[in-house]
Amino acid sequence: MSEDGPFLFEAYGNPDNDEGNWVVYQKEGDIQFRVRQIPDKVDAQMQKKVTGRRIQTVKFRRGVSESDVDLDESAALAVERARYALLDSKNLKIVARDEEGASDITKALGAPVKIGEQVCLDGHWTQAVKDYVFERFGGLCPWIVEASNRQRMRSSEEEQALAGN
């Protein structure tokens, strides 16, 4: 996201260059996350990686389509999407309450953490940190994916408005 904005739409040939937008997670404590949209092509790659097959969308003129849902695959896909969409945070701190917690945070961050020490995750969102946080704080993962989807829907609505639809 450019600081020169706001822009109606920002186009990226390489979606990894999208710097995302800040989204408020918790007003108390002013916790925010920088989240980016997940392009269709990237999402399809994630689906194939997680499920081992290409996902096809089937539309019917009449009737209802039924499909089996593998909850493990759905959860794994949500984590993949959240890993991609989450770029950074503001004011997000965690604290190790025991030796095992300190050890786990140390492994994720790659830096020593002591019991009772507050650790700010801002600017430290490696894949290991994302995996650690999503595994322990399950409600954050779907929230990140939803925030990314809301951005995508807004962009789509704005594009349609420009096109006069």
C-alpha atoms as a PDB file:
ATOM      1  CA  MET A   1       0.000   0.000   0.000  1.00  0.00           C
ATOM      2  CA  SER A   2       1.445   3.306  -1.004  1.00  0.00           C
ATOM      3  CA  GLU A   3       1.465   6.148   1.475  1.00  0.00           C
ATOM      4  CA  ASP A   4       0.571   8.535  -1.383  1.00  0.00           C
ATOM      5  CA  GLY A   5      -3.018   7.165  -1.509  1.00  0.00           C
ATOM      6  CA  PRO A   6      -5.767   6.542  -1.012  1.00  0.00           C
ATOM      7  CA  PHE A   7      -6.165   4.724  -4.291  1.00  0.00           C
ATOM      8  CA  LEU A   8      -9.291   3.054  -5.567  1.00  0.00           C
ATOM      9  CA  PHE A   9      -7.343   0.038  -6.744  1.00  0.00           C
ATOM     10  CA  GLU A  10      -3.714  -0.980  -6.616  1.00  0.00           C
ATOM     11  CA  ALA A  11      -2.578  -3.470  -9.256  1.00  0.00           C
ATOM     12  CA  TYR A  12       0.317  -5.823  -8.595  1.00  0.00           C
ATOM     13  CA  GLY A  13       1.783  -8.051 -11.293  1.00  0.00           C
ATOM     14  CA  ASN A  14       3.465  -9.915  -8.462  1.00  0.00           C
ATOM     15  CA  PRO A  15       0.968 -10.221  -5.576  1.00  0.00           C
ATOM     16  CA  ASP A  16       3.838 -10.652  -3.101  1.00  0.00           C
ATOM     17  CA  ASN A  17       4.581  -6.941  -3.610  1.00  0.00           C
ATOM     18  CA  ASP A  18       1.198  -5.960  -2.110  1.00  0.00           C
ATOM     19  CA  GLU A  19       2.004  -4.271   1.203  1.00  0.00           C
ATOM     20  CA  GLY A  20      -1.583  -4.676   2.457  1.00  0.00           C
ATOM     21  CA  ASN A  21      -3.729  -2.355   4.572  1.00  0.00           C
ATOM     22  CA  TRP A  22      -3.944  -1.832   8.330  1.00  0.00           C
ATOM     23  CA  VAL A  23      -7.042  -3.384   9.926  1.00  0.00           C
ATOM     24  CA  VAL A  24      -8.061  -2.809  13.570  1.00  0.00           C
ATOM     25  CA  TYR A  25      -8.350  -6.070  15.487  1.00  0.00           C
ATOM     26  CA  GLN A  26      -9.001  -4.793  18.980  1.00  0.00           C
ATOM     27  CA  LYS A  27      -9.802  -1.172  19.712  1.00  0.00           C
ATOM     28  CA  GLU A  28      -8.701  -1.507  23.331  1.00  0.00           C
ATOM     29  CA  GLY A  29      -4.943  -1.622  23.217  1.00  0.00           C
ATOM     30  CA  ASP A  30      -5.035  -0.463  19.604  1.00  0.00           C
ATOM     31  CA  ILE A  31      -4.008  -3.821  18.107  1.00  0.00           C
ATOM     32  CA  GLN A  32      -3.866  -3.723  14.317  1.00  0.00           C
ATOM     33  CA  PHE A  33      -2.751  -6.085  11.576  1.00  0.00           C
ATOM     34  CA  ARG A  34      -1.471  -5.326   8.089  1.00  0.00           C
ATOM     35  CA  VAL A  35      -3.417  -7.677   5.831  1.00  0.00           C
ATOM     36  CA  ARG A  36      -3.352  -8.092   2.055  1.00  0.00           C
ATOM     37  CA  GLN A  37      -5.798  -9.576  -0.410  1.00  0.00           C
ATOM     38  CA  ILE A  38      -5.353 -13.115  -1.696  1.00  0.00           C
ATOM     39  CA  PRO A  39      -5.454 -13.167  -5.521  1.00  0.00           C
ATOM     40  CA  ASP A  40      -7.442 -15.967  -7.206  1.00  0.00           C
ATOM     41  CA  LYS A  41      -4.312 -17.516  -8.719  1.00  0.00           C
ATOM     42  CA  VAL A  42      -2.524 -17.624  -5.355  1.00  0.00           C
ATOM     43  CA  ASP A  43      -5.638 -19.027  -3.655  1.00  0.00           C
ATOM     44  CA  ALA A  44      -5.923 -21.774  -6.284  1.00  0.00           C
ATOM     45  CA  GLN A  45      -2.261 -22.693  -5.687  1.00  0.00           C
ATOM     46  CA  MET A  46      -2.910 -22.879  -1.940  1.00  0.00           C
ATOM     47  CA  GLN A  47      -5.960 -25.082  -2.467  1.00  0.00           C
ATOM     48  CA  LYS A  48      -3.974 -27.443  -4.664  1.00  0.00           C
ATOM     49  CA  LYS A  49      -1.111 -27.550  -2.142  1.00  0.00           C
ATOM     50  CA  VAL A  50      -3.427 -28.372   0.763  1.00  0.00           C
ATOM     51  CA  THR A  51      -5.829 -30.755  -0.976  1.00  0.00           C
ATOM     52  CA  GLY A  52      -3.452 -32.247  -3.529  1.00  0.00           C
ATOM     53  CA  ARG A  53      -5.952 -31.588  -6.291  1.00  0.00           C
ATOM     54  CA  ARG A  54      -7.266 -28.735  -8.339  1.00  0.00           C
ATOM     55  CA  ILE A  55     -10.452 -27.211  -6.984  1.00  0.00           C
ATOM     56  CA  GLN A  56     -13.198 -26.774  -9.532  1.00  0.00           C
ATOM     57  CA  THR A  57     -16.279 -24.659  -9.097  1.00  0.00           C
ATOM     58  CA  VAL A  58     -19.431 -26.227 -10.494  1.00  0.00           C
ATOM     59  CA  LYS A  59     -22.545 -24.110 -10.999  1.00  0.00           C
ATOM     60  CA  PHE A  60     -26.001 -25.499 -11.632  1.00  0.00           C
ATOM     61  CA  ARG A  61     -28.947 -23.696 -13.176  1.00  0.00           C
ATOM     62  CA  ARG A  62     -31.359 -25.472 -10.861  1.00  0.00           C
ATOM     63  CA  GLY A  63     -30.914 -27.432  -7.705  1.00  0.00           C
ATOM     64  CA  VAL A  64     -28.290 -27.502  -5.054  1.00  0.00           C
ATOM     65  CA  SER A  65     -24.725 -28.683  -5.302  1.00  0.00           C
ATOM     66  CA  GLU A  66     -23.584 -30.911  -2.462  1.00  0.00           C
ATOM     67  CA  SER A  67     -19.989 -31.539  -1.537  1.00  0.00           C
ATOM     68  CA  ASP A  68     -18.109 -33.279   1.215  1.00  0.00           C
ATOM     69  CA  VAL A  69     -16.029 -31.005   3.392  1.00  0.00           C
ATOM     70  CA  ASP A  70     -12.835 -32.285   4.954  1.00  0.00           C
ATOM     71  CA  LEU A  71     -12.529 -30.221   8.132  1.00  0.00           C
ATOM     72  CA  ASP A  72      -8.789 -30.884   8.417  1.00  0.00           C
ATOM     73  CA  GLU A  73      -8.283 -29.660   4.850  1.00  0.00           C
ATOM     74  CA  SER A  74     -10.491 -26.627   5.513  1.00  0.00           C
ATOM     75  CA  ALA A  75      -8.503 -25.718   8.619  1.00  0.00           C
ATOM     76  CA  ALA A  76      -5.187 -26.232   6.814  1.00  0.00           C
ATOM     77  CA  LEU A  77      -6.385 -24.060   3.918  1.00  0.00           C
ATOM     78  CA  ALA A  78      -7.446 -21.310   6.344  1.00  0.00           C
ATOM     79  CA  VAL A  79      -3.958 -21.356   7.883  1.00  0.00           C
ATOM     80  CA  GLU A  80      -2.323 -21.153   4.422  1.00  0.00           C
ATOM     81  CA  ARG A  81      -4.527 -18.208   3.519  1.00  0.00           C
ATOM     82  CA  ALA A  82      -3.830 -16.427   6.808  1.00  0.00           C
ATOM     83  CA  ARG A  83      -0.070 -17.016   6.413  1.00  0.00           C
ATOM     84  CA  TYR A  84      -0.186 -15.315   3.030  1.00  0.00           C
ATOM     85  CA  ALA A  85      -2.519 -12.469   3.994  1.00  0.00           C
ATOM     86  CA  LEU A  86      -0.879 -11.438   7.298  1.00  0.00           C
ATOM     87  CA  LEU A  87       2.066  -9.098   6.790  1.00  0.00           C
ATOM     88  CA  ASP A  88       2.601  -7.286  10.107  1.00  0.00           C
ATOM     89  CA  SER A  89       1.036  -6.003  13.314  1.00  0.00           C
ATOM     90  CA  LYS A  90       0.974  -2.942  15.548  1.00  0.00           C
ATOM     91  CA  ASN A  91       0.933  -3.187  19.331  1.00  0.00           C
ATOM     92  CA  LEU A  92       0.694  -6.988  19.501  1.00  0.00           C
ATOM     93  CA  LYS A  93       2.509  -8.407  22.512  1.00  0.00           C
ATOM     94  CA  ILE A  94       2.694 -11.882  23.957  1.00  0.00           C
ATOM     95  CA  VAL A  95       4.132 -13.006  27.267  1.00  0.00           C
ATOM     96  CA  ALA A  96       5.687 -16.324  28.290  1.00  0.00           C
ATOM     97  CA  ARG A  97       4.050 -17.561  31.489  1.00  0.00           C
ATOM     98  CA  ASP A  98       6.156 -20.705  31.992  1.00  0.00           C
ATOM     99  CA  GLU A  99       9.387 -22.375  30.837  1.00  0.00           C
ATOM    100  CA  GLU A 100       7.676 -24.256  28.028  1.00  0.00           C
ATOM    101  CA  GLY A 101       6.011 -21.060  26.778  1.00  0.00           C
ATOM    102  CA  ALA A 102       9.341 -19.220  26.838  1.00  0.00           C
ATOM    103  CA  SER A 103      10.975 -22.095  24.953  1.00  0.00           C
ATOM    104  CA  ASP A 104       8.216 -22.160  22.307  1.00  0.00           C
ATOM    105  CA  ILE A 105       8.373 -18.395  21.740  1.00  0.00           C
ATOM    106  CA  THR A 106      12.182 -18.554  21.602  1.00  0.00           C
ATOM    107  CA  LYS A 107      11.990 -21.215  18.862  1.00  0.00           C
ATOM    108  CA  ALA A 108       9.429 -19.239  16.861  1.00  0.00           C
ATOM    109  CA  LEU A 109      11.264 -15.914  17.144  1.00  0.00           C
ATOM    110  CA  GLY A 110      14.785 -17.267  16.970  1.00  0.00           C
ATOM    111  CA  ALA A 111      15.728 -15.062  19.941  1.00  0.00           C
ATOM    112  CA  PRO A 112      15.830 -15.849  23.667  1.00  0.00           C
ATOM    113  CA  VAL A 113      12.682 -15.084  25.667  1.00  0.00           C
ATOM    114  CA  LYS A 114      12.414 -15.282  29.466  1.00  0.00           C
ATOM    115  CA  ILE A 115       9.417 -16.198  31.613  1.00  0.00           C
ATOM    116  CA  GLY A 116       7.295 -13.098  32.229  1.00  0.00           C
ATOM    117  CA  GLU A 117       8.938 -11.127  29.410  1.00  0.00           C
ATOM    118  CA  GLN A 118       6.611  -9.234  27.083  1.00  0.00           C
ATOM    119  CA  VAL A 119       7.535  -9.731  23.449  1.00  0.00           C
ATOM    120  CA  CYS A 120       6.255  -7.401  20.752  1.00  0.00           C
ATOM    121  CA  LEU A 121       5.590  -9.291  17.511  1.00  0.00           C
ATOM    122  CA  ASP A 122       5.440  -6.147  15.360  1.00  0.00           C
ATOM    123  CA  GLY A 123       7.894  -6.519  12.487  1.00  0.00           C
ATOM    124  CA  HIS A 124       8.700 -10.155  13.380  1.00  0.00           C
ATOM    125  CA  TRP A 125       6.115 -12.100  11.369  1.00  0.00           C
ATOM    126  CA  THR A 126       8.182 -14.949   9.949  1.00  0.00           C
ATOM    127  CA  GLN A 127       6.451 -18.170   8.888  1.00  0.00           C
ATOM    128  CA  ALA A 128       7.558 -19.735  12.196  1.00  0.00           C
ATOM    129  CA  VAL A 129       5.963 -16.898  14.201  1.00  0.00           C
ATOM    130  CA  LYS A 130       2.759 -17.115  12.140  1.00  0.00           C
ATOM    131  CA  ASP A 131       2.599 -20.887  12.699  1.00  0.00           C
ATOM    132  CA  TYR A 132       3.180 -20.431  16.443  1.00  0.00           C
ATOM    133  CA  VAL A 133       0.497 -17.746  16.804  1.00  0.00           C
ATOM    134  CA  PHE A 134      -2.116 -19.452  14.599  1.00  0.00           C
ATOM    135  CA  GLU A 135      -1.649 -22.764  16.413  1.00  0.00           C
ATOM    136  CA  ARG A 136      -2.166 -21.218  19.843  1.00  0.00           C
ATOM    137  CA  PHE A 137      -4.666 -18.481  19.081  1.00  0.00           C
ATOM    138  CA  GLY A 138      -7.098 -20.218  16.749  1.00  0.00           C
ATOM    139  CA  GLY A 139      -9.534 -17.320  16.485  1.00  0.00           C
ATOM    140  CA  LEU A 140      -6.959 -15.065  14.847  1.00  0.00           C
ATOM    141  CA  CYS A 141      -6.493 -17.190  11.731  1.00  0.00           C
ATOM    142  CA  PRO A 142     -10.106 -16.972  10.472  1.00  0.00           C
ATOM    143  CA  TRP A 143     -10.219 -13.291  11.430  1.00  0.00           C
ATOM    144  CA  ILE A 144      -7.167 -12.562   9.228  1.00  0.00           C
ATOM    145  CA  VAL A 145      -8.719 -14.468   6.309  1.00  0.00           C
ATOM    146  CA  GLU A 146     -12.018 -12.599   6.752  1.00  0.00           C
ATOM    147  CA  ALA A 147     -10.213  -9.230   6.858  1.00  0.00           C
ATOM    148  CA  SER A 148      -8.457 -10.156   3.607  1.00  0.00           C
ATOM    149  CA  ASN A 149     -11.769 -11.203   2.033  1.00  0.00           C
ATOM    150  CA  ARG A 150     -13.427  -7.915   3.089  1.00  0.00           C
ATOM    151  CA  GLN A 151     -10.665  -5.966   1.346  1.00  0.00           C
ATOM    152  CA  ARG A 152     -11.131  -8.058  -1.765  1.00  0.00           C
ATOM    153  CA  MET A 153     -14.896  -7.535  -1.760  1.00  0.00           C
ATOM    154  CA  ARG A 154     -14.486  -3.768  -1.370  1.00  0.00           C
ATOM    155  CA  SER A 155     -12.048  -3.662  -4.276  1.00  0.00           C
ATOM    156  CA  SER A 156     -14.419  -5.698  -6.422  1.00  0.00           C
ATOM    157  CA  GLU A 157     -17.381  -3.452  -5.566  1.00  0.00           C
ATOM    158  CA  GLU A 158     -15.326  -0.354  -6.341  1.00  0.00           C
ATOM    159  CA  GLU A 159     -14.214  -1.766  -9.698  1.00  0.00           C
ATOM    160  CA  GLN A 160     -17.820  -2.614 -10.599  1.00  0.00           C
ATOM    161  CA  ALA A 161     -18.927   0.906  -9.643  1.00  0.00           C
ATOM    162  CA  LEU A 162     -16.266   2.368 -11.930  1.00  0.00           C
ATOM    163  CA  ALA A 163     -17.424   0.118 -14.745  1.00  0.00           C
ATOM    164  CA  GLY A 164     -20.996   1.311 -14.194  1.00  0.00           C
ATOM    165  CA  ASN A 165     -22.387  -2.070 -13.104  1.00  0.00           C
END
